[in-house]
Each structure stands twice: as C-alpha cells, then as structure tokens.
C-alpha cells in the first residue's frame, strides 16, 4: 500500500504538470511552423488618438482610415 498511498493526493499536481508540458510543446510547434512559413503577424494599433472626437463613423466602420 505504500506505493499507491500518495496517488490521490498528487494526482491533480501531476495532471497540471502534464497539461503545462502539453501546452508548451504545442506552442513550440506552432512557433516553429509560423517561422517556417514566415507568417509572423504584426499587431496594428487601432486606438483613436486622444485629440480626435469619436464619431459614429469611427464606431460603425473602424477599418476606414
């Protein structure tokens, strides 16, 4: 009984470690795939400057510059 004594008490910790390992592996795989294809997406700053007045046009058509 000594071998299985702490199974239930450490089960959740082991599950979390496995999940973290799985997610880390998946993230590395995705990064490698994106680097291979050159699909690095750059985020655009879509905020409205403070000195501009927010109009209905800004709200309905945010892609218009």
Protein backbone atom coordinates (compact mmCIF):
# COMPACT_ATOMS: atom_id res chain seq x y z
CA UNK A 1 0.00 0.00 0.00
CA UNK A 2 2.98 2.33 0.41
CA UNK A 3 3.48 2.76 -3.34
CA UNK A 4 -0.09 3.90 -4.04
CA UNK A 5 -0.54 5.82 -0.82
CA UNK A 6 0.05 9.29 -2.29
CA UNK A 7 -1.57 8.71 -5.69
CA UNK A 8 -4.77 10.63 -4.94
CA UNK A 9 -3.00 13.46 -3.15
CA UNK A 10 -0.62 14.15 -6.07
CA UNK A 11 -2.99 13.34 -8.91
CA UNK A 12 -4.06 16.94 -9.57
CA UNK A 13 -0.49 18.27 -9.44
CA UNK A 14 0.67 15.64 -11.93
CA UNK A 15 -2.27 16.42 -14.22
CA UNK A 16 -1.40 20.13 -14.18
CA UNK A 17 2.24 19.37 -14.97
CA UNK A 18 1.22 17.19 -17.90
CA UNK A 19 -1.14 19.90 -19.20
CA UNK A 20 1.57 22.56 -18.95
CA UNK A 21 4.04 20.31 -20.74
CA UNK A 22 1.49 19.62 -23.49
CA UNK A 23 0.72 23.33 -23.96
CA UNK A 24 4.42 24.23 -24.03
CA UNK A 25 5.07 21.60 -26.67
CA UNK A 26 2.12 22.83 -28.76
CA UNK A 27 3.28 26.45 -28.51
CA UNK A 28 6.77 25.50 -29.66
CA UNK A 29 5.30 23.53 -32.54
CA UNK A 30 3.15 26.49 -33.63
CA UNK A 31 6.07 28.92 -33.38
CA UNK A 32 8.25 26.61 -35.45
CA UNK A 33 5.52 26.23 -38.08
CA UNK A 34 4.95 30.01 -38.30
CA UNK A 35 8.68 30.66 -38.57
CA UNK A 36 8.93 28.10 -41.35
CA UNK A 37 6.16 29.74 -43.37
CA UNK A 38 7.11 33.28 -42.43
CA UNK A 39 3.66 34.05 -41.07
CA UNK A 40 4.60 36.44 -38.33
CA UNK A 41 1.60 38.68 -37.76
CA UNK A 42 2.17 42.19 -36.54
CA UNK A 43 -0.48 43.83 -34.42
CA UNK A 44 -1.69 47.23 -35.55
CA UNK A 45 -2.53 49.97 -33.11
CA UNK A 46 -6.25 50.55 -33.69
CA UNK A 47 -6.79 53.13 -30.97
CA UNK A 48 -8.18 56.55 -31.71
CA UNK A 49 -5.87 59.41 -30.75
CA UNK A 50 -6.97 61.46 -27.74
CA UNK A 51 -7.20 64.70 -29.70
CA UNK A 52 -9.82 63.28 -32.11
CA UNK A 53 -13.53 63.27 -31.43
CA UNK A 54 -15.17 59.85 -31.59
CA UNK A 55 -17.91 59.93 -34.20
CA UNK A 56 -20.47 57.42 -35.38
CA UNK A 57 -18.26 56.73 -38.39
CA UNK A 58 -15.45 55.54 -36.08
CA UNK A 59 -17.82 53.13 -34.36
CA UNK A 60 -19.52 51.72 -37.44
CA UNK A 61 -16.52 51.48 -39.76
CA UNK A 62 -13.33 51.12 -37.70
CA UNK A 63 -11.18 49.93 -40.64
CA UNK A 64 -11.63 53.18 -42.55
CA UNK A 65 -8.65 55.49 -42.18
